Amino acid sequence: MPTQTELLHYRLQAVLRDYNMPDFEYIGERLSYISGEMVPWYRIGGAEVPIDAITEFETEESDESDPI
């Protein structure tokens, strides 16, 4: 059974696959400063963070018929 960290990683990978998000990027696996384990890291804006430092992740659905 996947761990919570693995499930979040899969969810983030799906978001990267399905949406164009220039400020969000997967950058590989490194040692986490939180757990000391090898975990996926992401670049969010200008910050590089391990997945175990991401405490919340919500997506917002937009209706493409709404004017911008």
N, C-alpha and C. Protein backbone atom coordinates (compact mmCIF):
# COMPACT_ATOMS: atom_id res chain seq x y z
N MET A 1 0.84 -1.18 0.00
CA MET A 1 0.00 0.00 0.00
C MET A 1 0.89 1.25 0.00
N PRO A 2 0.59 2.22 -0.87
CA PRO A 2 1.41 3.45 -0.94
C PRO A 2 1.29 4.28 0.35
N THR A 3 2.39 4.95 0.67
CA THR A 3 2.40 5.84 1.82
C THR A 3 1.73 7.17 1.45
N GLN A 4 1.46 8.00 2.45
CA GLN A 4 0.87 9.32 2.20
C GLN A 4 1.79 10.14 1.30
N THR A 5 3.10 10.04 1.54
CA THR A 5 4.08 10.78 0.73
C THR A 5 4.03 10.32 -0.72
N GLU A 6 3.95 9.01 -0.94
CA GLU A 6 3.88 8.48 -2.31
C GLU A 6 2.58 8.93 -2.99
N LEU A 7 1.48 8.90 -2.26
CA LEU A 7 0.20 9.34 -2.84
C LEU A 7 0.26 10.81 -3.25
N LEU A 8 0.86 11.64 -2.40
CA LEU A 8 0.99 13.06 -2.74
C LEU A 8 1.88 13.23 -3.97
N HIS A 9 2.96 12.47 -4.04
CA HIS A 9 3.85 12.53 -5.20
C HIS A 9 3.10 12.15 -6.48
N TYR A 10 2.30 11.09 -6.44
CA TYR A 10 1.52 10.69 -7.61
C TYR A 10 0.53 11.79 -8.01
N ARG A 11 -0.09 12.40 -7.03
CA ARG A 11 -1.05 13.48 -7.30
C ARG A 11 -0.35 14.68 -7.94
N LEU A 12 0.81 15.05 -7.41
CA LEU A 12 1.56 16.17 -7.98
C LEU A 12 2.04 15.86 -9.39
N GLN A 13 2.45 14.62 -9.65
CA GLN A 13 2.86 14.23 -10.99
C GLN A 13 1.70 14.34 -11.97
N ALA A 14 0.51 13.96 -11.54
CA ALA A 14 -0.68 14.07 -12.39
C ALA A 14 -0.98 15.53 -12.71
N VAL A 15 -0.84 16.39 -11.73
CA VAL A 15 -1.06 17.83 -11.96
C VAL A 15 -0.06 18.35 -12.97
N LEU A 16 1.21 17.99 -12.82
CA LEU A 16 2.23 18.44 -13.76
C LEU A 16 1.96 17.91 -15.17
N ARG A 17 1.44 16.71 -15.26
CA ARG A 17 1.14 16.12 -16.57
C ARG A 17 -0.05 16.81 -17.24
N ASP A 18 -1.05 17.14 -16.45
CA ASP A 18 -2.32 17.62 -17.01
C ASP A 18 -2.42 19.14 -17.15
N TYR A 19 -1.57 19.89 -16.46
CA TYR A 19 -1.69 21.34 -16.47
C TYR A 19 -0.35 22.00 -16.78
N ASN A 20 -0.41 23.18 -17.37
CA ASN A 20 0.78 23.98 -17.62
C ASN A 20 1.00 24.88 -16.40
N MET A 21 1.99 24.55 -15.61
CA MET A 21 2.28 25.31 -14.39
C MET A 21 3.76 25.68 -14.40
N PRO A 22 4.11 26.84 -14.97
CA PRO A 22 5.53 27.20 -15.10
C PRO A 22 6.25 27.42 -13.76
N ASP A 23 5.53 27.70 -12.69
CA ASP A 23 6.16 27.93 -11.39
C ASP A 23 6.21 26.68 -10.52
N PHE A 24 5.93 25.52 -11.12
CA PHE A 24 5.89 24.27 -10.37
C PHE A 24 6.58 23.20 -11.18
N GLU A 25 7.61 22.56 -10.58
CA GLU A 25 8.43 21.62 -11.34
C GLU A 25 8.98 20.51 -10.43
N TYR A 26 8.96 19.29 -10.91
CA TYR A 26 9.61 18.17 -10.21
C TYR A 26 11.09 18.24 -10.51
N ILE A 27 11.94 18.16 -9.48
CA ILE A 27 13.38 18.29 -9.70
C ILE A 27 14.18 17.06 -9.29
N GLY A 28 13.50 15.99 -8.92
CA GLY A 28 14.20 14.74 -8.62
C GLY A 28 14.16 14.37 -7.15
N GLU A 29 14.95 13.35 -6.81
CA GLU A 29 14.99 12.87 -5.42
C GLU A 29 16.28 13.33 -4.77
N ARG A 30 16.14 13.73 -3.51
CA ARG A 30 17.28 14.14 -2.68
C ARG A 30 16.96 13.77 -1.24
N LEU A 31 17.95 13.92 -0.39
CA LEU A 31 17.71 13.72 1.04
C LEU A 31 16.85 14.85 1.57
N SER A 32 15.87 14.51 2.34
CA SER A 32 15.00 15.50 2.95
C SER A 32 15.63 16.02 4.24
N TYR A 33 15.56 17.33 4.44
CA TYR A 33 16.04 17.89 5.69
C TYR A 33 15.04 17.63 6.83
N ILE A 34 13.84 17.15 6.48
CA ILE A 34 12.83 16.86 7.50
C ILE A 34 12.97 15.42 8.00
N SER A 35 12.92 14.46 7.06
CA SER A 35 12.93 13.05 7.46
C SER A 35 14.31 12.40 7.35
N GLY A 36 15.22 12.99 6.59
CA GLY A 36 16.52 12.39 6.37
C GLY A 36 16.50 11.27 5.34
N GLU A 37 15.34 11.06 4.71
CA GLU A 37 15.19 10.01 3.70
C GLU A 37 15.23 10.60 2.31
N MET A 38 15.47 9.74 1.31
CA MET A 38 15.41 10.17 -0.08
C MET A 38 13.93 10.35 -0.44
N VAL A 39 13.58 11.55 -0.87
CA VAL A 39 12.19 11.86 -1.22
C VAL A 39 12.18 12.73 -2.47
N PRO A 40 11.03 12.79 -3.17
CA PRO A 40 10.90 13.69 -4.30
C PRO A 40 10.97 15.15 -3.86
N TRP A 41 11.62 15.96 -4.66
CA TRP A 41 11.69 17.40 -4.42
C TRP A 41 10.99 18.13 -5.56
N TYR A 42 10.42 19.28 -5.23
CA TYR A 42 9.72 20.11 -6.20
C TYR A 42 10.20 21.55 -6.09
N ARG A 43 10.21 22.26 -7.21
CA ARG A 43 10.47 23.70 -7.23
C ARG A 43 9.11 24.37 -7.30
N ILE A 44 8.80 25.15 -6.30
CA ILE A 44 7.53 25.89 -6.23
C ILE A 44 7.90 27.36 -6.18
N GLY A 45 7.62 28.07 -7.28
CA GLY A 45 8.11 29.44 -7.38
C GLY A 45 9.63 29.39 -7.40
N GLY A 46 10.27 30.08 -6.49
CA GLY A 46 11.74 30.06 -6.41
C GLY A 46 12.26 29.13 -5.34
N ALA A 47 11.38 28.46 -4.63
CA ALA A 47 11.81 27.60 -3.51
C ALA A 47 11.89 26.14 -3.93
N GLU A 48 12.92 25.44 -3.47
CA GLU A 48 13.04 23.99 -3.66
C GLU A 48 12.67 23.33 -2.35
N VAL A 49 11.65 22.45 -2.40
CA VAL A 49 11.15 21.84 -1.17
C VAL A 49 10.99 20.33 -1.33
N PRO A 50 11.28 19.59 -0.25
CA PRO A 50 11.02 18.15 -0.29
C PRO A 50 9.53 17.91 -0.13
N ILE A 51 9.07 16.81 -0.66
CA ILE A 51 7.63 16.52 -0.61
C ILE A 51 7.11 16.43 0.83
N ASP A 52 7.96 16.01 1.76
CA ASP A 52 7.48 15.91 3.13
C ASP A 52 7.39 17.26 3.84
N ALA A 53 7.76 18.34 3.14
CA ALA A 53 7.56 19.69 3.67
C ALA A 53 6.26 20.30 3.13
N ILE A 54 5.63 19.62 2.17
CA ILE A 54 4.37 20.11 1.61
C ILE A 54 3.25 19.59 2.51
N THR A 55 2.60 20.49 3.21
CA THR A 55 1.57 20.08 4.17
C THR A 55 0.17 20.15 3.59
N GLU A 56 -0.03 20.97 2.56
CA GLU A 56 -1.34 21.09 1.92
C GLU A 56 -1.15 21.23 0.43
N PHE A 57 -2.10 20.68 -0.30
CA PHE A 57 -2.10 20.87 -1.75
C PHE A 57 -3.54 20.80 -2.21
N GLU A 58 -4.02 21.91 -2.74
CA GLU A 58 -5.39 21.97 -3.25
C GLU A 58 -5.35 22.50 -4.67
N THR A 59 -6.19 21.91 -5.50
CA THR A 59 -6.33 22.43 -6.85
C THR A 59 -7.67 23.14 -6.95
N GLU A 60 -7.70 24.10 -7.82
CA GLU A 60 -8.92 24.87 -8.01
C GLU A 60 -9.40 24.65 -9.44
N GLU A 61 -10.58 24.12 -9.58
CA GLU A 61 -11.14 23.89 -10.90
C GLU A 61 -11.66 25.22 -11.45
N SER A 62 -11.39 25.46 -12.72
CA SER A 62 -11.92 26.68 -13.34
C SER A 62 -12.84 26.28 -14.48
N ASP A 63 -13.87 27.05 -14.65
CA ASP A 63 -14.81 26.83 -15.73
C ASP A 63 -14.31 27.63 -16.94
N GLU A 64 -13.94 26.93 -18.00
CA GLU A 64 -13.33 27.59 -19.15
C GLU A 64 -14.30 28.53 -19.85
N SER A 65 -15.59 28.45 -19.56
CA SER A 65 -16.54 29.36 -20.18
C SER A 65 -16.61 30.70 -19.46
N ASP A 66 -16.03 30.77 -18.24
CA ASP A 66 -16.00 32.03 -17.51
C ASP A 66 -15.03 32.99 -18.16
N PRO A 67 -15.40 34.27 -18.29
CA PRO A 67 -14.44 35.26 -18.83
C PRO A 67 -13.31 35.50 -17.83
N ILE A 68 -12.16 35.76 -18.36
CA ILE A 68 -11.00 35.99 -17.49
C ILE A 68 -10.89 37.45 -17.17
